[in-house]
């Protein structure tokens, strides 16, 4: 146990029992406990394996390379369609955690083996993401915008494409694109 992480477990009133049980299970797997991104994170030889986090309706263990796990029990959940590597096991009460303890440990040990083997998740290339028609039209009309966009890092390009594409209406996509043209032209990402 890392005392620097204790505050996280003490502040989570709603999920306190569940978090304490998850923490005990994870620590029994000989992972190193750290605080990263404001949540308890667990590493093997300084490589991220899992983290524990809470939401309104559930608490979860997130496996950083969960997409590489076999998931023989069919319990891993992809948070959103855009999450490529991480997968969660979600819990709504401590009884579920107690009942699944052996399975949770088996998944953690498999995640450690994935890390030991040096396996990597094959991420989609930026070119594989959909370019919304409205944005493609702007890129075609304005060569400077096209040059600036394709000069951005792949991560920044992906951020814009996902943000623009997530709007359901064409009008909203147009507004988003217009708003961020100056930022793209200045070489900045969505959150810069």
Protein backbone atom coordinates (compact mmCIF):
# COMPACT_ATOMS: atom_id res chain seq x y z
CA UNK A 1 0.00 0.00 0.00
CA UNK A 2 1.14 3.44 -0.87
CA UNK A 3 0.06 5.96 1.81
CA UNK A 4 -0.09 8.71 -0.84
CA UNK A 5 -3.04 6.88 -2.40
CA UNK A 6 -5.04 6.49 0.85
CA UNK A 7 -6.84 9.80 0.43
CA UNK A 8 -8.54 8.53 -2.75
CA UNK A 9 -10.02 5.56 -0.93
CA UNK A 10 -11.04 7.68 2.06
CA UNK A 11 -12.85 10.31 -0.02
CA UNK A 12 -15.00 7.90 -2.07
CA UNK A 13 -17.89 7.55 0.36
CA UNK A 14 -20.35 5.86 -2.01
CA UNK A 15 -17.93 3.17 -3.21
CA UNK A 16 -15.71 2.79 -0.15
CA UNK A 17 -16.34 -0.94 0.51
CA UNK A 18 -15.96 -1.81 -3.16
CA UNK A 19 -12.76 0.21 -3.53
CA UNK A 20 -11.20 -1.31 -0.42
CA UNK A 21 -11.94 -4.82 -1.73
CA UNK A 22 -10.57 -4.02 -5.19
CA UNK A 23 -7.46 -2.51 -3.64
CA UNK A 24 -6.85 -5.63 -1.55
CA UNK A 25 -7.27 -7.88 -4.60
CA UNK A 26 -4.94 -5.81 -6.76
CA UNK A 27 -2.26 -5.50 -4.09
CA UNK A 28 -2.41 -9.27 -3.57
CA UNK A 29 -1.23 -9.55 -7.20
CA UNK A 30 2.07 -7.86 -6.27
CA UNK A 31 1.61 -4.69 -8.32
CA UNK A 32 3.10 -1.36 -7.29
CA UNK A 33 0.50 1.19 -6.17
CA UNK A 34 0.84 4.79 -7.34
CA UNK A 35 -1.34 7.84 -7.77
CA UNK A 36 -1.63 8.86 -11.43
CA UNK A 37 -4.27 11.06 -13.03
CA UNK A 38 -5.75 11.48 -9.54
CA UNK A 39 -6.67 7.78 -9.24
CA UNK A 40 -4.99 4.64 -7.88
CA UNK A 41 -2.83 3.15 -10.62
CA UNK A 42 -0.96 -0.11 -10.48
CA UNK A 43 2.24 -0.88 -12.33
CA UNK A 44 4.54 -3.79 -13.03
CA UNK A 45 8.19 -2.75 -13.42
CA UNK A 46 7.01 0.87 -13.89
CA UNK A 47 4.61 -0.07 -16.71
CA UNK A 48 0.91 0.72 -16.27
CA UNK A 49 -1.23 -2.38 -15.85
CA UNK A 50 -4.52 -1.22 -14.31
CA UNK A 51 -6.22 1.59 -12.47
CA UNK A 52 -9.25 1.74 -10.23
CA UNK A 53 -11.84 4.45 -10.76
CA UNK A 54 -15.42 5.33 -9.90
CA UNK A 55 -18.40 6.71 -11.73
CA UNK A 56 -21.93 7.50 -10.56
CA UNK A 57 -23.39 4.08 -11.34
CA UNK A 58 -20.35 1.83 -10.99
CA UNK A 59 -16.75 1.44 -9.95
CA UNK A 60 -14.27 -0.28 -12.22
CA UNK A 61 -10.88 -1.75 -12.83
CA UNK A 62 -9.45 -0.45 -16.08
CA UNK A 63 -6.86 -2.56 -17.90
CA UNK A 64 -4.57 -0.32 -19.94
CA UNK A 65 -4.02 -3.05 -22.56
CA UNK A 66 -7.36 -4.76 -22.04
CA UNK A 67 -7.89 -5.17 -25.80
CA UNK A 68 -5.04 -7.71 -25.73
CA UNK A 69 -6.61 -9.86 -23.01
CA UNK A 70 -8.44 -13.06 -23.99
CA UNK A 71 -11.58 -12.11 -21.99
CA UNK A 72 -12.69 -15.72 -21.64
CA UNK A 73 -15.54 -14.65 -19.32
CA UNK A 74 -16.76 -11.88 -21.64
CA UNK A 75 -16.64 -9.26 -18.88
CA UNK A 76 -14.40 -6.58 -20.38
CA UNK A 77 -16.16 -3.42 -21.52
CA UNK A 78 -14.92 -0.86 -24.03
CA UNK A 79 -15.87 2.52 -22.52
CA UNK A 80 -16.61 4.22 -25.83
CA UNK A 81 -16.16 3.25 -29.48
CA UNK A 82 -13.06 5.47 -29.68
CA UNK A 83 -11.18 3.75 -26.85
CA UNK A 84 -8.73 1.45 -28.57
CA UNK A 85 -6.61 -0.23 -25.88
CA UNK A 86 -8.26 0.06 -22.47
CA UNK A 87 -11.05 -2.16 -21.18
CA UNK A 88 -12.99 -2.14 -17.89
CA UNK A 89 -14.56 -4.61 -15.55
CA UNK A 90 -17.46 -2.80 -13.89
CA UNK A 91 -18.99 -3.45 -10.49
CA UNK A 92 -22.13 -2.14 -8.83
CA UNK A 93 -21.62 -3.68 -5.37
CA UNK A 94 -19.06 -5.40 -3.19
CA UNK A 95 -20.80 -8.79 -3.50
CA UNK A 96 -20.00 -8.85 -7.22
CA UNK A 97 -16.35 -8.17 -6.47
CA UNK A 98 -16.15 -10.91 -3.83
CA UNK A 99 -17.84 -13.38 -6.18
CA UNK A 100 -15.45 -12.50 -9.03
CA UNK A 101 -12.23 -12.29 -7.02
CA UNK A 102 -10.56 -15.30 -8.68
CA UNK A 103 -11.54 -14.07 -12.14
CA UNK A 104 -10.29 -10.54 -11.41
CA UNK A 105 -6.93 -11.94 -10.29
CA UNK A 106 -6.71 -14.16 -13.37
CA UNK A 107 -7.27 -11.11 -15.60
CA UNK A 108 -4.67 -9.10 -13.67
CA UNK A 109 -2.11 -11.90 -13.99
CA UNK A 110 -2.86 -12.16 -17.71
CA UNK A 111 -2.35 -8.37 -18.03
CA UNK A 112 1.02 -8.72 -16.29
CA UNK A 113 1.99 -11.47 -18.75
CA UNK A 114 0.97 -9.25 -21.67
CA UNK A 115 3.30 -6.57 -20.29
CA UNK A 116 6.15 -9.04 -19.68
CA UNK A 117 5.82 -10.22 -23.30
CA UNK A 118 6.10 -6.61 -24.51
CA UNK A 119 2.85 -6.81 -26.48
CA UNK A 120 1.54 -3.57 -27.94
CA UNK A 121 -1.94 -2.54 -29.04
CA UNK A 122 -2.09 -1.76 -32.76
CA UNK A 123 -3.67 1.69 -32.78
CA UNK A 124 -5.61 2.99 -35.74
CA UNK A 125 -3.65 5.42 -37.87
CA UNK A 126 -5.02 8.94 -38.15
CA UNK A 127 -5.69 8.31 -41.84
CA UNK A 128 -8.18 5.58 -40.84
CA UNK A 129 -10.46 8.08 -39.08
CA UNK A 130 -13.46 9.53 -40.88
CA UNK A 131 -13.01 13.10 -42.12
CA UNK A 132 -16.44 14.75 -41.90
CA UNK A 133 -17.67 16.04 -45.25
CA UNK A 134 -17.92 19.60 -43.90
CA UNK A 135 -14.28 19.55 -42.83
CA UNK A 136 -13.13 17.92 -46.07
CA UNK A 137 -14.84 20.75 -47.97
CA UNK A 138 -12.92 23.35 -45.92
CA UNK A 139 -9.62 21.51 -46.47
CA UNK A 140 -10.28 21.45 -50.23
CA UNK A 141 -11.26 25.16 -50.37
CA UNK A 142 -8.40 26.44 -48.21
CA UNK A 143 -4.96 24.98 -49.00
CA UNK A 144 -3.43 26.80 -46.01
CA UNK A 145 -5.86 25.05 -43.67
CA UNK A 146 -5.10 21.69 -45.28
CA UNK A 147 -1.37 22.25 -44.92
CA UNK A 148 -1.74 23.39 -41.29
CA UNK A 149 -4.00 20.45 -40.39
CA UNK A 150 -1.71 17.82 -41.88
CA UNK A 151 1.27 19.47 -40.18
CA UNK A 152 -0.31 18.79 -36.77
CA UNK A 153 0.76 15.72 -34.82
CA UNK A 154 -1.34 12.61 -35.47
CA UNK A 155 -2.84 12.89 -31.99
CA UNK A 156 -3.98 16.46 -32.60
CA UNK A 157 -5.43 15.52 -35.97
CA UNK A 158 -7.31 12.63 -34.36
CA UNK A 159 -8.63 14.92 -31.63
CA UNK A 160 -10.12 17.31 -34.17
CA UNK A 161 -11.56 14.54 -36.34
CA UNK A 162 -13.24 12.85 -33.37
CA UNK A 163 -14.58 16.16 -32.07
CA UNK A 164 -15.93 17.29 -35.43
CA UNK A 165 -17.41 13.85 -36.21
CA UNK A 166 -19.15 13.54 -32.85
CA UNK A 167 -21.65 16.27 -33.74
CA UNK A 168 -24.88 14.73 -35.01
CA UNK A 169 -26.01 17.66 -37.13
CA UNK A 170 -24.16 19.16 -40.06
CA UNK A 171 -24.83 22.67 -38.72
CA UNK A 172 -23.08 21.79 -35.45
CA UNK A 173 -20.12 20.26 -37.29
CA UNK A 174 -19.84 23.46 -39.37
CA UNK A 175 -19.86 25.63 -36.21
CA UNK A 176 -17.20 23.50 -34.55
CA UNK A 177 -14.99 23.60 -37.61
CA UNK A 178 -15.33 27.38 -37.97
CA UNK A 179 -14.51 27.88 -34.30
CA UNK A 180 -11.28 25.87 -34.53
CA UNK A 181 -9.91 27.02 -37.88
CA UNK A 182 -7.77 29.77 -36.24
CA UNK A 183 -6.40 27.24 -33.75
CA UNK A 184 -5.53 24.75 -36.50
CA UNK A 185 -3.87 27.51 -38.54
CA UNK A 186 -1.73 28.41 -35.53
CA UNK A 187 -0.59 24.79 -35.14
CA UNK A 188 -2.49 24.08 -31.96
CA UNK A 189 -4.48 21.06 -30.91
CA UNK A 190 -8.05 20.98 -29.68
CA UNK A 191 -7.09 21.51 -26.02
CA UNK A 192 -3.96 23.67 -26.42
